[in-house]
Amino acid sequence: MGERKGQNKYYPPDYDPKKGGLNKFQGTHALRERARKIHLGIIIIRFEMPYNIWCEGCQNHIGMGVRYNAEKTKVGMYYTTPVFKFRMKCHLCENHFEIQTDPGNLDYTILSGARRQENRWDPLQNEQVVPETKEVQKRLFDDAMYKLEHQAKDAKAAADAKPVLQKLVERNMTVWDDNYEANCRLRAEFRHQKLEIKGQQELDRQLLAKSSLDIALLPETNQDREMAALMKLQTKSALERESEQRLELLMRPALPGATTTTFGGLKRQKALNNHLHLQDLGIRRKKLEETDASNSTSGKPQSLVGDYSSSEESNS
């Protein structure tokens, strides 16, 4: 591949080697479009997101490893290490965010346009093995007494952790002594859980179909059962209860000395007509055969409405 580099370059007929290379002769930069702002100290590079962030323009999540065309600018120095700033545009909106290197902490700092998704923690809280800092390493190399004390602390920490490690090893040997039996137990447990999940999904589907709903149901809890037990089933609808309240107000006497049977007003009479039935008033309707026989004997014309009499007269 190395011998092809010189052959792939085109040299125009008026090229003069005394003027320099091809880029200088043609008045172009080796980086082409990426160096269009080089006179401002800006160069276009391919920047890879160092960690997960949230864009403040569209509030979308941008994962670690997403690449952008960023403007790279040198903004300072940390001792002999340059500090660079990168400015890029979000691929989901028109927002721009800026990220700057932090050589002192070996990290990147967001200046504007985004916020970092915090996934950092203290390794000492998780009892992880943390490497010694440079100061501690230097002191261990120079100070023999400090090295001896450090070794004594390490030995004490190892002695304290030995029983716990021994229990973990024994439990591991007990559980995974027979790999086949352990695998069978796990597979049986997974099958049981899968059947329970499928059964619950079928019950949820039937309930949603019965209620004509299209929502995601959450798992049932003890608190839900207690609340359902405290609820009372209402047999009457809201319209029925409202009509009963209105009837009660209409039946209430307007005057203190009046009785409940005193009628007053057209609205009250209509309400009574709508709610009262013939059986409630003690009135019954004669049978059709009896009315036909009585009309034929008496010679009275037949009525489409029918004859009515009080229950007391019929009983007498």
C-alpha atoms as a PDB file:
ATOM      1  CA  MET A   1       0.000   0.000   0.000  1.00  0.00           C
ATOM      2  CA  GLY A   2       2.882   2.367   0.643  1.00  0.00           C
ATOM      3  CA  GLU A   3       4.112   2.347  -2.957  1.00  0.00           C
ATOM      4  CA  ARG A   4       0.685   3.446  -4.245  1.00  0.00           C
ATOM      5  CA  LYS A   5       0.546   6.752  -2.372  1.00  0.00           C
ATOM      6  CA  GLY A   6       2.824   8.618  -4.740  1.00  0.00           C
ATOM      7  CA  GLN A   7       1.171   7.226  -7.815  1.00  0.00           C
ATOM      8  CA  ASN A   8      -2.358   8.284  -6.758  1.00  0.00           C
ATOM      9  CA  LYS A   9      -1.479  11.990  -6.627  1.00  0.00           C
ATOM     10  CA  TYR A  10      -2.144  14.090  -9.674  1.00  0.00           C
ATOM     11  CA  TYR A  11       0.484  16.668 -10.546  1.00  0.00           C
ATOM     12  CA  PRO A  12      -0.740  19.332 -12.980  1.00  0.00           C
ATOM     13  CA  PRO A  13       1.487  20.329 -15.934  1.00  0.00           C
ATOM     14  CA  ASP A  14       2.240  23.774 -14.444  1.00  0.00           C
ATOM     15  CA  TYR A  15       3.279  22.322 -11.069  1.00  0.00           C
ATOM     16  CA  ASP A  16       6.538  23.780  -9.751  1.00  0.00           C
ATOM     17  CA  PRO A  17       8.237  21.718  -7.002  1.00  0.00           C
ATOM     18  CA  LYS A  18      10.080  24.820  -5.855  1.00  0.00           C
ATOM     19  CA  LYS A  19       6.808  26.322  -4.564  1.00  0.00           C
ATOM     20  CA  GLY A  20       6.237  23.457  -2.123  1.00  0.00           C
ATOM     21  CA  GLY A  21       3.807  20.577  -1.995  1.00  0.00           C
ATOM     22  CA  LEU A  22       0.585  20.144  -3.929  1.00  0.00           C
ATOM     23  CA  ASN A  23      -1.589  21.681  -1.193  1.00  0.00           C
ATOM     24  CA  LYS A  24       0.538  24.798  -1.035  1.00  0.00           C
ATOM     25  CA  PHE A  25       0.713  25.017  -4.801  1.00  0.00           C
ATOM     26  CA  GLN A  26      -3.087  24.775  -5.140  1.00  0.00           C
ATOM     27  CA  GLY A  27      -3.752  27.010  -2.127  1.00  0.00           C
ATOM     28  CA  THR A  28      -5.684  24.389  -0.182  1.00  0.00           C
ATOM     29  CA  HIS A  29      -5.319  22.773   3.225  1.00  0.00           C
ATOM     30  CA  ALA A  30      -4.613  19.102   3.744  1.00  0.00           C
ATOM     31  CA  LEU A  31      -7.813  18.765   5.838  1.00  0.00           C
ATOM     32  CA  ARG A  32      -9.965  20.385   3.126  1.00  0.00           C
ATOM     33  CA  GLU A  33     -13.398  21.384   4.513  1.00  0.00           C
ATOM     34  CA  ARG A  34     -12.464  20.513   8.073  1.00  0.00           C
ATOM     35  CA  ALA A  35     -10.012  23.421   8.085  1.00  0.00           C
ATOM     36  CA  ARG A  36     -12.423  26.075   6.784  1.00  0.00           C
ATOM     37  CA  LYS A  37     -12.247  27.914  10.163  1.00  0.00           C
ATOM     38  CA  ILE A  38      -8.594  27.337  10.854  1.00  0.00           C
ATOM     39  CA  HIS A  39      -7.907  31.071  10.633  1.00  0.00           C
ATOM     40  CA  LEU A  40     -10.085  31.403  13.767  1.00  0.00           C
ATOM     41  CA  GLY A  41      -8.186  28.653  15.568  1.00  0.00           C
ATOM     42  CA  ILE A  42     -11.026  26.152  14.975  1.00  0.00           C
ATOM     43  CA  ILE A  43     -10.699  22.758  13.361  1.00  0.00           C
ATOM     44  CA  ILE A  44     -13.513  20.308  12.610  1.00  0.00           C
ATOM     45  CA  ILE A  45     -12.975  16.853  14.101  1.00  0.00           C
ATOM     46  CA  ARG A  46     -15.010  13.723  14.717  1.00  0.00           C
ATOM     47  CA  PHE A  47     -15.924  13.808  18.427  1.00  0.00           C
ATOM     48  CA  GLU A  48     -17.260  10.781  20.321  1.00  0.00           C
ATOM     49  CA  MET A  49     -19.507  11.368  23.332  1.00  0.00           C
ATOM     50  CA  PRO A  50     -17.557  10.316  26.458  1.00  0.00           C
ATOM     51  CA  TYR A  51     -20.644   9.577  28.623  1.00  0.00           C
ATOM     52  CA  ASN A  52     -24.450   9.666  28.597  1.00  0.00           C
ATOM     53  CA  ILE A  53     -26.009  13.133  28.505  1.00  0.00           C
ATOM     54  CA  TRP A  54     -29.439  14.818  28.280  1.00  0.00           C
ATOM     55  CA  CYS A  55     -29.916  17.505  25.644  1.00  0.00           C
ATOM     56  CA  GLU A  56     -31.421  20.672  27.169  1.00  0.00           C
ATOM     57  CA  GLY A  57     -32.988  21.676  23.847  1.00  0.00           C
ATOM     58  CA  CYS A  58     -35.172  18.639  23.099  1.00  0.00           C
ATOM     59  CA  GLN A  59     -34.756  16.810  26.459  1.00  0.00           C
ATOM     60  CA  ASN A  60     -33.705  13.642  24.617  1.00  0.00           C
ATOM     61  CA  HIS A  61     -31.139  11.136  25.830  1.00  0.00           C
ATOM     62  CA  ILE A  62     -27.853  10.877  23.951  1.00  0.00           C
ATOM     63  CA  GLY A  63     -25.856   7.764  24.675  1.00  0.00           C
ATOM     64  CA  MET A  64     -22.149   7.352  25.184  1.00  0.00           C
ATOM     65  CA  GLY A  65     -20.307   6.705  21.937  1.00  0.00           C
ATOM     66  CA  VAL A  66     -22.503   8.817  19.641  1.00  0.00           C
ATOM     67  CA  ARG A  67     -20.271  10.744  17.227  1.00  0.00           C
ATOM     68  CA  TYR A  68     -20.582  14.341  16.069  1.00  0.00           C
ATOM     69  CA  ASN A  69     -18.736  16.779  13.837  1.00  0.00           C
ATOM     70  CA  ALA A  70     -17.391  19.129  16.497  1.00  0.00           C
ATOM     71  CA  GLU A  71     -15.469  22.386  16.393  1.00  0.00           C
ATOM     72  CA  LYS A  72     -12.235  21.911  18.345  1.00  0.00           C
ATOM     73  CA  THR A  73     -10.712  24.990  19.971  1.00  0.00           C
ATOM     74  CA  LYS A  74      -7.741  25.368  22.305  1.00  0.00           C
ATOM     75  CA  VAL A  75      -8.841  27.470  25.313  1.00  0.00           C
ATOM     76  CA  GLY A  76      -5.950  27.106  27.801  1.00  0.00           C
ATOM     77  CA  MET A  77      -3.254  25.006  29.385  1.00  0.00           C
ATOM     78  CA  TYR A  78      -3.112  22.728  32.418  1.00  0.00           C
ATOM     79  CA  TYR A  79       0.589  22.834  33.216  1.00  0.00           C
ATOM     80  CA  THR A  80       1.977  21.476  29.915  1.00  0.00           C
ATOM     81  CA  THR A  81      -1.281  19.811  28.779  1.00  0.00           C
ATOM     82  CA  PRO A  82      -3.559  21.837  26.444  1.00  0.00           C
ATOM     83  CA  VAL A  83      -7.235  22.245  27.331  1.00  0.00           C
ATOM     84  CA  PHE A  84      -9.637  21.901  24.394  1.00  0.00           C
ATOM     85  CA  LYS A  85     -13.259  22.896  23.951  1.00  0.00           C
ATOM     86  CA  PHE A  86     -15.635  21.047  21.605  1.00  0.00           C
ATOM     87  CA  ARG A  87     -18.810  22.602  20.218  1.00  0.00           C
ATOM     88  CA  MET A  88     -21.339  20.430  18.367  1.00  0.00           C
ATOM     89  CA  LYS A  89     -24.972  20.452  17.299  1.00  0.00           C
ATOM     90  CA  CYS A  90     -27.575  17.985  18.535  1.00  0.00           C
ATOM     91  CA  HIS A  91     -28.755  15.617  15.795  1.00  0.00           C
ATOM     92  CA  LEU A  92     -32.352  15.752  17.139  1.00  0.00           C
ATOM     93  CA  CYS A  93     -32.869  19.510  17.429  1.00  0.00           C
ATOM     94  CA  GLU A  94     -31.188  22.871  16.768  1.00  0.00           C
ATOM     95  CA  ASN A  95     -29.486  23.047  20.161  1.00  0.00           C
ATOM     96  CA  HIS A  96     -25.688  23.277  20.491  1.00  0.00           C
ATOM     97  CA  PHE A  97     -23.726  22.022  23.464  1.00  0.00           C
ATOM     98  CA  GLU A  98     -20.117  22.581  24.493  1.00  0.00           C
ATOM     99  CA  ILE A  99     -17.818  20.127  26.267  1.00  0.00           C
ATOM    100  CA  GLN A 100     -14.354  20.897  27.619  1.00  0.00           C
ATOM    101  CA  THR A 101     -11.519  18.616  28.646  1.00  0.00           C
ATOM    102  CA  ASP A 102     -10.491  18.451  32.329  1.00  0.00           C
ATOM    103  CA  PRO A 103      -6.928  17.086  32.468  1.00  0.00           C
ATOM    104  CA  GLY A 104      -6.698  17.609  36.230  1.00  0.00           C
ATOM    105  CA  ASN A 105      -9.492  15.100  36.928  1.00  0.00           C
ATOM    106  CA  LEU A 106      -9.011  13.011  33.772  1.00  0.00           C
ATOM    107  CA  ASP A 107     -12.567  13.791  32.711  1.00  0.00           C
ATOM    108  CA  TYR A 108     -14.764  15.959  30.476  1.00  0.00           C
ATOM    109  CA  THR A 109     -16.865  18.914  31.683  1.00  0.00           C
ATOM    110  CA  ILE A 110     -20.127  20.103  30.088  1.00  0.00           C
ATOM    111  CA  LEU A 111     -20.114  23.884  29.724  1.00  0.00           C
ATOM    112  CA  SER A 112     -23.569  24.526  28.230  1.00  0.00           C
ATOM    113  CA  GLY A 113     -26.444  23.002  26.269  1.00  0.00           C
ATOM    114  CA  ALA A 114     -26.626  19.622  28.039  1.00  0.00           C
ATOM    115  CA  ARG A 115     -26.433  17.919  31.408  1.00  0.00           C
ATOM    116  CA  ARG A 116     -24.660  14.753  32.397  1.00  0.00           C
ATOM    117  CA  GLN A 117     -26.450  11.559  33.390  1.00  0.00           C
ATOM    118  CA  GLU A 118     -24.950  10.766  36.765  1.00  0.00           C
ATOM    119  CA  ASN A 119     -23.606   7.233  36.876  1.00  0.00           C
ATOM    120  CA  ARG A 120     -20.651   7.956  39.124  1.00  0.00           C
ATOM    121  CA  TRP A 121     -20.173   6.526  42.610  1.00  0.00           C
ATOM    122  CA  ASP A 122     -17.517   6.142  45.250  1.00  0.00           C
ATOM    123  CA  PRO A 123     -15.713   2.787  44.831  1.00  0.00           C
ATOM    124  CA  LEU A 124     -15.075   2.623  48.571  1.00  0.00           C
ATOM    125  CA  GLN A 125     -18.834   2.430  49.253  1.00  0.00           C
ATOM    126  CA  ASN A 126     -19.041  -0.754  47.159  1.00  0.00           C
ATOM    127  CA  GLU A 127     -15.929  -2.212  48.824  1.00  0.00           C
ATOM    128  CA  GLN A 128     -14.064  -2.185  45.546  1.00  0.00           C
ATOM    129  CA  VAL A 129     -10.301  -2.366  45.280  1.00  0.00           C
ATOM    130  CA  VAL A 130      -9.136   1.192  44.705  1.00  0.00           C
ATOM    131  CA  PRO A 131      -5.622   1.768  43.397  1.00  0.00           C
ATOM    132  CA  GLU A 132      -3.356   3.925  45.504  1.00  0.00           C
ATOM    133  CA  THR A 133      -2.911   7.563  44.580  1.00  0.00           C
ATOM    134  CA  LYS A 134       0.422   8.975  43.501  1.00  0.00           C
ATOM    135  CA  GLU A 135       0.930  10.655  46.858  1.00  0.00           C
ATOM    136  CA  VAL A 136       0.407   7.396  48.731  1.00  0.00           C
ATOM    137  CA  GLN A 137       2.669   5.486  46.346  1.00  0.00           C
ATOM    138  CA  LYS A 138       5.410   8.068  46.756  1.00  0.00           C
ATOM    139  CA  ARG A 139       5.094   7.959  50.548  1.00  0.00           C
ATOM    140  CA  LEU A 140       5.210   4.155  50.519  1.00  0.00           C
ATOM    141  CA  PHE A 141       8.441   4.318  48.531  1.00  0.00           C
ATOM    142  CA  ASP A 142      10.110   6.943  50.744  1.00  0.00           C
ATOM    143  CA  ASP A 143       8.746   6.244  54.271  1.00  0.00           C
ATOM    144  CA  ALA A 144       9.524   2.795  55.667  1.00  0.00           C
ATOM    145  CA  MET A 145       7.378   3.271  58.796  1.00  0.00           C
ATOM    146  CA  TYR A 146       4.372   4.334  56.751  1.00  0.00           C
ATOM    147  CA  LYS A 147       4.863   1.311  54.521  1.00  0.00           C
ATOM    148  CA  LEU A 148       4.906  -0.974  57.576  1.00  0.00           C
ATOM    149  CA  GLU A 149       1.698   0.591  58.951  1.00  0.00           C
ATOM    150  CA  HIS A 150       0.064   0.294  55.545  1.00  0.00           C
ATOM    151  CA  GLN A 151       0.939  -3.391  55.332  1.00  0.00           C
ATOM    152  CA  ALA A 152      -0.468  -3.977  58.830  1.00  0.00           C
ATOM    153  CA  LYS A 153      -3.778  -2.334  57.803  1.00  0.00           C
ATOM    154  CA  ASP A 154      -3.934  -4.457  54.679  1.00  0.00           C
ATOM    155  CA  ALA A 155      -3.330  -7.635  56.685  1.00  0.00           C
ATOM    156  CA  LYS A 156      -6.081  -6.696  59.174  1.00  0.00           C
ATOM    157  CA  ALA A 157      -8.542  -5.982  56.342  1.00  0.00           C
ATOM    158  CA  ALA A 158      -7.712  -9.353  54.751  1.00  0.00           C
ATOM    159  CA  ALA A 159      -8.253 -11.172  58.063  1.00  0.00           C
ATOM    160  CA  ASP A 160     -11.638  -9.461  58.564  1.00  0.00           C
ATOM    161  CA  ALA A 161     -12.802 -10.367  55.061  1.00  0.00           C
ATOM    162  CA  LYS A 162     -11.599 -13.974  55.167  1.00  0.00           C
ATOM    163  CA  PRO A 163     -14.681 -15.466  56.990  1.00  0.00           C
ATOM    164  CA  VAL A 164     -17.066 -13.782  54.567  1.00  0.00           C
ATOM    165  CA  LEU A 165     -15.117 -15.015  51.580  1.00  0.00           C
ATOM    166  CA  GLN A 166     -15.013 -18.518  53.035  1.00  0.00           C
ATOM    167  CA  LYS A 167     -18.816 -18.540  53.453  1.00  0.00           C
ATOM    168  CA  LEU A 168     -19.277 -17.410  49.874  1.00  0.00           C
ATOM    169  CA  VAL A 169     -16.985 -20.137  48.604  1.00  0.00           C
ATOM    170  CA  GLU A 170     -18.800 -22.801  50.651  1.00  0.00           C
ATOM    171  CA  ARG A 171     -22.210 -21.638  49.464  1.00  0.00           C
ATOM    172  CA  ASN A 172     -21.000 -21.654  45.881  1.00  0.00           C
ATOM    173  CA  MET A 173     -19.726 -25.182  46.250  1.00  0.00           C
ATOM    174  CA  THR A 174     -23.016 -26.312  47.866  1.00  0.00           C
ATOM    175  CA  VAL A 175     -25.269 -24.790  45.244  1.00  0.00           C
ATOM    176  CA  TRP A 176     -23.204 -25.562  42.172  1.00  0.00           C
ATOM    177  CA  ASP A 177     -21.656 -28.858  43.252  1.00  0.00           C
ATOM    178  CA  ASP A 178     -23.936 -30.702  40.820  1.00  0.00           C
ATOM    179  CA  ASN A 179     -24.362 -28.490  37.762  1.00  0.00           C
ATOM    180  CA  TYR A 180     -27.093 -30.661  36.251  1.00  0.00           C
ATOM    181  CA  GLU A 181     -29.321 -30.550  39.345  1.00  0.00           C
ATOM    182  CA  ALA A 182     -28.808 -26.786  39.760  1.00  0.00           C
ATOM    183  CA  ASN A 183     -29.676 -26.223  36.116  1.00  0.00           C
ATOM    184  CA  CYS A 184     -32.839 -28.351  36.445  1.00  0.00           C
ATOM    185  CA  ARG A 185     -33.971 -26.381  39.496  1.00  0.00           C
ATOM    186  CA  LEU A 186     -33.451 -23.073  37.739  1.00  0.00           C
ATOM    187  CA  ARG A 187     -35.274 -24.198  34.596  1.00  0.00           C
ATOM    188  CA  ALA A 188     -38.222 -25.528  36.648  1.00  0.00           C
ATOM    189  CA  GLU A 189     -38.452 -22.230  38.530  1.00  0.00           C
ATOM    190  CA  PHE A 190     -38.353 -20.278  35.277  1.00  0.00           C
ATOM    191  CA  ARG A 191     -41.109 -22.451  33.769  1.00  0.00           C
ATOM    192  CA  HIS A 192     -43.301 -21.897  36.841  1.00  0.00           C
ATOM    193  CA  GLN A 193     -42.797 -18.139  36.675  1.00  0.00           C
ATOM    194  CA  LYS A 194     -43.546 -18.145  32.948  1.00  0.00           C
ATOM    195  CA  LEU A 195     -46.860 -19.978  33.516  1.00  0.00           C
ATOM    196  CA  GLU A 196     -47.860 -17.508  36.224  1.00  0.00           C
ATOM    197  CA  ILE A 197     -47.075 -14.570  33.959  1.00  0.00           C
ATOM    198  CA  LYS A 198     -49.068 -16.055  31.064  1.00  0.00           C
ATOM    199  CA  GLY A 199     -52.048 -16.750  33.338  1.00  0.00           C
ATOM    200  CA  GLN A 200     -52.024 -13.213  34.709  1.00  0.00           C
ATOM    201  CA  GLN A 201     -51.799 -11.799  31.201  1.00  0.00           C
ATOM    202  CA  GLU A 202     -54.837 -13.851  30.139  1.00  0.00           C
ATOM    203  CA  LEU A 203     -56.845 -12.570  33.131  1.00  0.00           C
ATOM    204  CA  ASP A 204     -55.840  -8.998  32.348  1.00  0.00           C
ATOM    205  CA  ARG A 205     -56.828  -9.464  28.711  1.00  0.00           C
ATOM    206  CA  GLN A 206     -60.281 -10.770  29.667  1.00  0.00           C
ATOM    207  CA  LEU A 207     -60.808  -7.904  32.111  1.00  0.00           C
ATOM    208  CA  LEU A 208     -59.796  -5.310  29.531  1.00  0.00           C
ATOM    209  CA  ALA A 209     -62.053  -6.899  26.903  1.00  0.00           C
ATOM    210  CA  LYS A 210     -64.985  -6.928  29.334  1.00  0.00           C
ATOM    211  CA  SER A 211     -64.433  -3.283  30.302  1.00  0.00           C
ATOM    212  CA  SER A 212     -63.612  -2.135  26.734  1.00  0.00           C
ATOM    213  CA  LEU A 213     -60.357  -0.591  27.919  1.00  0.00           C
ATOM    214  CA  ASP A 214     -56.954  -0.341  26.302  1.00  0.00           C
ATOM    215  CA  ILE A 215     -54.579   0.408  29.175  1.00  0.00           C
ATOM    216  CA  ALA A 216     -51.670  -1.329  30.874  1.00  0.00           C
ATOM    217  CA  LEU A 217     -52.692  -3.009  34.147  1.00  0.00           C
ATOM    218  CA  LEU A 218     -50.318  -3.010  37.097  1.00  0.00           C
ATOM    219  CA  PRO A 219     -49.819  -6.073  39.326  1.00  0.00           C
ATOM    220  CA  GLU A 220     -52.350  -6.460  42.136  1.00  0.00           C
ATOM    221  CA  THR A 221     -51.109  -5.637  45.642  1.00  0.00           C
ATOM    222  CA  ASN A 222     -52.429  -6.158  49.179  1.00  0.00           C
ATOM    223  CA  GLN A 223     -53.329  -2.479  49.409  1.00  0.00           C
ATOM    224  CA  ASP A 224     -55.530  -2.822  46.325  1.00  0.00           C
ATOM    225  CA  ARG A 225     -57.381  -5.780  47.890  1.00  0.00           C
ATOM    226  CA  GLU A 226     -57.973  -3.842  51.136  1.00  0.00           C
ATOM    227  CA  MET A 227     -59.298  -0.813  49.264  1.00  0.00           C
ATOM    228  CA  ALA A 228     -61.593  -3.013  47.155  1.00  0.00           C
ATOM    229  CA  ALA A 229     -62.982  -4.667  50.308  1.00  0.00           C
ATOM    230  CA  LEU A 230     -63.796  -1.268  51.841  1.00  0.00           C
ATOM    231  CA  MET A 231     -65.723  -0.118  48.779  1.00  0.00           C
ATOM    232  CA  LYS A 232     -69.529  -0.607  48.736  1.00  0.00           C
ATOM    233  CA  LEU A 233     -71.299  -1.660  45.565  1.00  0.00           C
ATOM    234  CA  GLN A 234     -73.941   0.874  44.569  1.00  0.00           C
ATOM    235  CA  THR A 235     -77.046  -0.687  42.991  1.00  0.00           C
ATOM    236  CA  LYS A 236     -78.553   2.609  41.827  1.00  0.00           C
ATOM    237  CA  SER A 237     -77.126   4.869  39.217  1.00  0.00           C
ATOM    238  CA  ALA A 238     -76.457   8.564  39.661  1.00  0.00           C
ATOM    239  CA  LEU A 239     -79.554   9.524  37.613  1.00  0.00           C
ATOM    240  CA  GLU A 240     -81.827   7.350  39.771  1.00  0.00           C
ATOM    241  CA  ARG A 241     -80.449   8.830  42.983  1.00  0.00           C
ATOM    242  CA  GLU A 242     -80.872  12.340  41.595  1.00  0.00           C
ATOM    243  CA  SER A 243     -84.492  11.661  40.600  1.00  0.00           C
ATOM    244  CA  GLU A 244     -85.260  10.296  44.083  1.00  0.00           C
ATOM    245  CA  GLN A 245     -83.811  13.414  45.676  1.00  0.00           C
ATOM    246  CA  ARG A 246     -85.913  15.632  43.436  1.00  0.00           C
ATOM    247  CA  LEU A 247     -89.073  13.652  44.263  1.00  0.00           C
ATOM    248  CA  GLU A 248     -88.330  13.959  47.971  1.00  0.00           C
ATOM    249  CA  LEU A 249     -87.995  17.717  47.613  1.00  0.00           C
ATOM    250  CA  LEU A 250     -91.293  17.916  45.704  1.00  0.00           C
ATOM    251  CA  MET A 251     -93.133  15.822  48.313  1.00  0.00           C
ATOM    252  CA  ARG A 252     -91.886  17.989  51.163  1.00  0.00           C
ATOM    253  CA  PRO A 253     -94.703  20.302  52.428  1.00  0.00           C
ATOM    254  CA  ALA A 254     -94.319  23.940  51.574  1.00  0.00           C
ATOM    255  CA  LEU A 255     -95.991  25.130  54.805  1.00  0.00           C
ATOM    256  CA  PRO A 256     -95.198  23.979  58.341  1.00  0.00           C
ATOM    257  CA  GLY A 257     -98.779  22.934  59.066  1.00  0.00           C
ATOM    258  CA  ALA A 258     -99.332  21.123  55.775  1.00  0.00           C
ATOM    259  CA  THR A 259     -99.206  17.354  55.393  1.00  0.00           C
ATOM    260  CA  THR A 260     -97.222  15.355  52.927  1.00  0.00           C
ATOM    261  CA  THR A 261    -100.363  14.420  50.952  1.00  0.00           C
ATOM    262  CA  THR A 262    -101.124  18.019  50.056  1.00  0.00           C
ATOM    263  CA  PHE A 263    -100.329  18.613  46.406  1.00  0.00           C
ATOM    264  CA  GLY A 264     -99.333  21.955  45.072  1.00  0.00           C
ATOM    265  CA  GLY A 265     -98.022  22.816  41.664  1.00  0.00           C
ATOM    266  CA  LEU A 266     -97.935  21.262  38.229  1.00  0.00           C
ATOM    267  CA  LYS A 267     -94.357  20.011  38.588  1.00  0.00           C
ATOM    268  CA  ARG A 268     -95.229  18.011  41.702  1.00  0.00           C
ATOM    269  CA  GLN A 269     -98.237  16.454  40.000  1.00  0.00           C
ATOM    270  CA  LYS A 270     -96.156  15.461  36.950  1.00  0.00           C
ATOM    271  CA  ALA A 271     -93.520  13.928  39.190  1.00  0.00           C
ATOM    272  CA  LEU A 272     -96.142  11.896  41.018  1.00  0.00           C
ATOM    273  CA  ASN A 273     -97.696  10.739  37.752  1.00  0.00           C
ATOM    274  CA  ASN A 274     -94.283   9.596  36.506  1.00  0.00           C
ATOM    275  CA  HIS A 275     -93.366   7.683  39.676  1.00  0.00           C
ATOM    276  CA  LEU A 276     -96.730   6.362  40.961  1.00  0.00           C
ATOM    277  CA  HIS A 277     -98.311   3.276  39.402  1.00  0.00           C
ATOM    278  CA  LEU A 278    -101.838   1.883  39.514  1.00  0.00           C
ATOM    279  CA  GLN A 279    -100.840  -0.874  41.933  1.00  0.00           C
ATOM    280  CA  ASP A 280     -99.381   1.705  44.317  1.00  0.00           C
ATOM    281  CA  LEU A 281    -102.724   3.621  44.403  1.00  0.00           C
ATOM    282  CA  GLY A 282    -104.841   0.482  45.026  1.00  0.00           C
ATOM    283  CA  ILE A 283    -106.446   0.532  41.540  1.00  0.00           C
ATOM    284  CA  ARG A 284    -106.611  -2.554  39.401  1.00  0.00           C
ATOM    285  CA  ARG A 285    -107.743  -3.030  35.811  1.00  0.00           C
ATOM    286  CA  LYS A 286    -110.562  -5.414  35.014  1.00  0.00           C
ATOM    287  CA  LYS A 287    -109.907  -8.361  32.799  1.00  0.00           C
ATOM    288  CA  LEU A 288    -110.882  -8.106  29.178  1.00  0.00           C
ATOM    289  CA  GLU A 289    -113.402 -10.991  29.327  1.00  0.00           C
ATOM    290  CA  GLU A 290    -115.251  -9.486  32.298  1.00  0.00           C
ATOM    291  CA  THR A 291    -115.541  -6.116  30.577  1.00  0.00           C
ATOM    292  CA  ASP A 292    -116.846  -7.729  27.370  1.00  0.00           C
ATOM    293  CA  ALA A 293    -119.507  -9.727  29.290  1.00  0.00           C
ATOM    294  CA  SER A 294    -120.674  -6.706  31.284  1.00  0.00           C
ATOM    295  CA  ASN A 295    -120.901  -4.556  28.172  1.00  0.00           C
ATOM    296  CA  SER A 296    -122.914  -7.182  26.286  1.00  0.00           C
ATOM    297  CA  THR A 297    -125.438  -7.618  29.130  1.00  0.00           C
ATOM    298  CA  SER A 298    -125.842  -3.949  29.876  1.00  0.00           C
ATOM    299  CA  GLY A 299    -125.768  -2.859  26.259  1.00  0.00           C
ATOM    300  CA  LYS A 300    -123.206  -0.179  26.925  1.00  0.00           C
ATOM    301  CA  PRO A 301    -120.721   0.675  24.193  1.00  0.00           C
ATOM    302  CA  GLN A 302    -117.257  -0.832  24.580  1.00  0.00           C
ATOM    303  CA  SER A 303    -114.507   1.528  25.634  1.00  0.00           C
ATOM    304  CA  LEU A 304    -110.938   1.204  24.525  1.00  0.00           C
ATOM    305  CA  VAL A 305    -109.691   2.570  27.846  1.00  0.00           C
ATOM    306  CA  GLY A 306    -111.474   0.135  30.141  1.00  0.00           C
ATOM    307  CA  ASP A 307    -113.305   0.478  33.456  1.00  0.00           C
ATOM    308  CA  TYR A 308    -111.595   0.967  36.749  1.00  0.00           C
ATOM    309  CA  SER A 309    -112.847   0.486  40.258  1.00  0.00           C
ATOM    310  CA  SER A 310    -111.287   0.722  43.640  1.00  0.00           C
ATOM    311  CA  SER A 311    -109.965  -2.300  45.403  1.00  0.00           C
ATOM    312  CA  GLU A 312    -112.335  -1.800  48.318  1.00  0.00           C
ATOM    313  CA  GLU A 313    -115.449  -2.105  46.093  1.00  0.00           C
ATOM    314  CA  SER A 314    -114.133  -5.224  44.429  1.00  0.00           C
ATOM    315  CA  ASN A 315    -113.403  -6.839  47.757  1.00  0.00           C
ATOM    316  CA  SER A 316    -116.854  -5.995  49.076  1.00  0.00           C
END
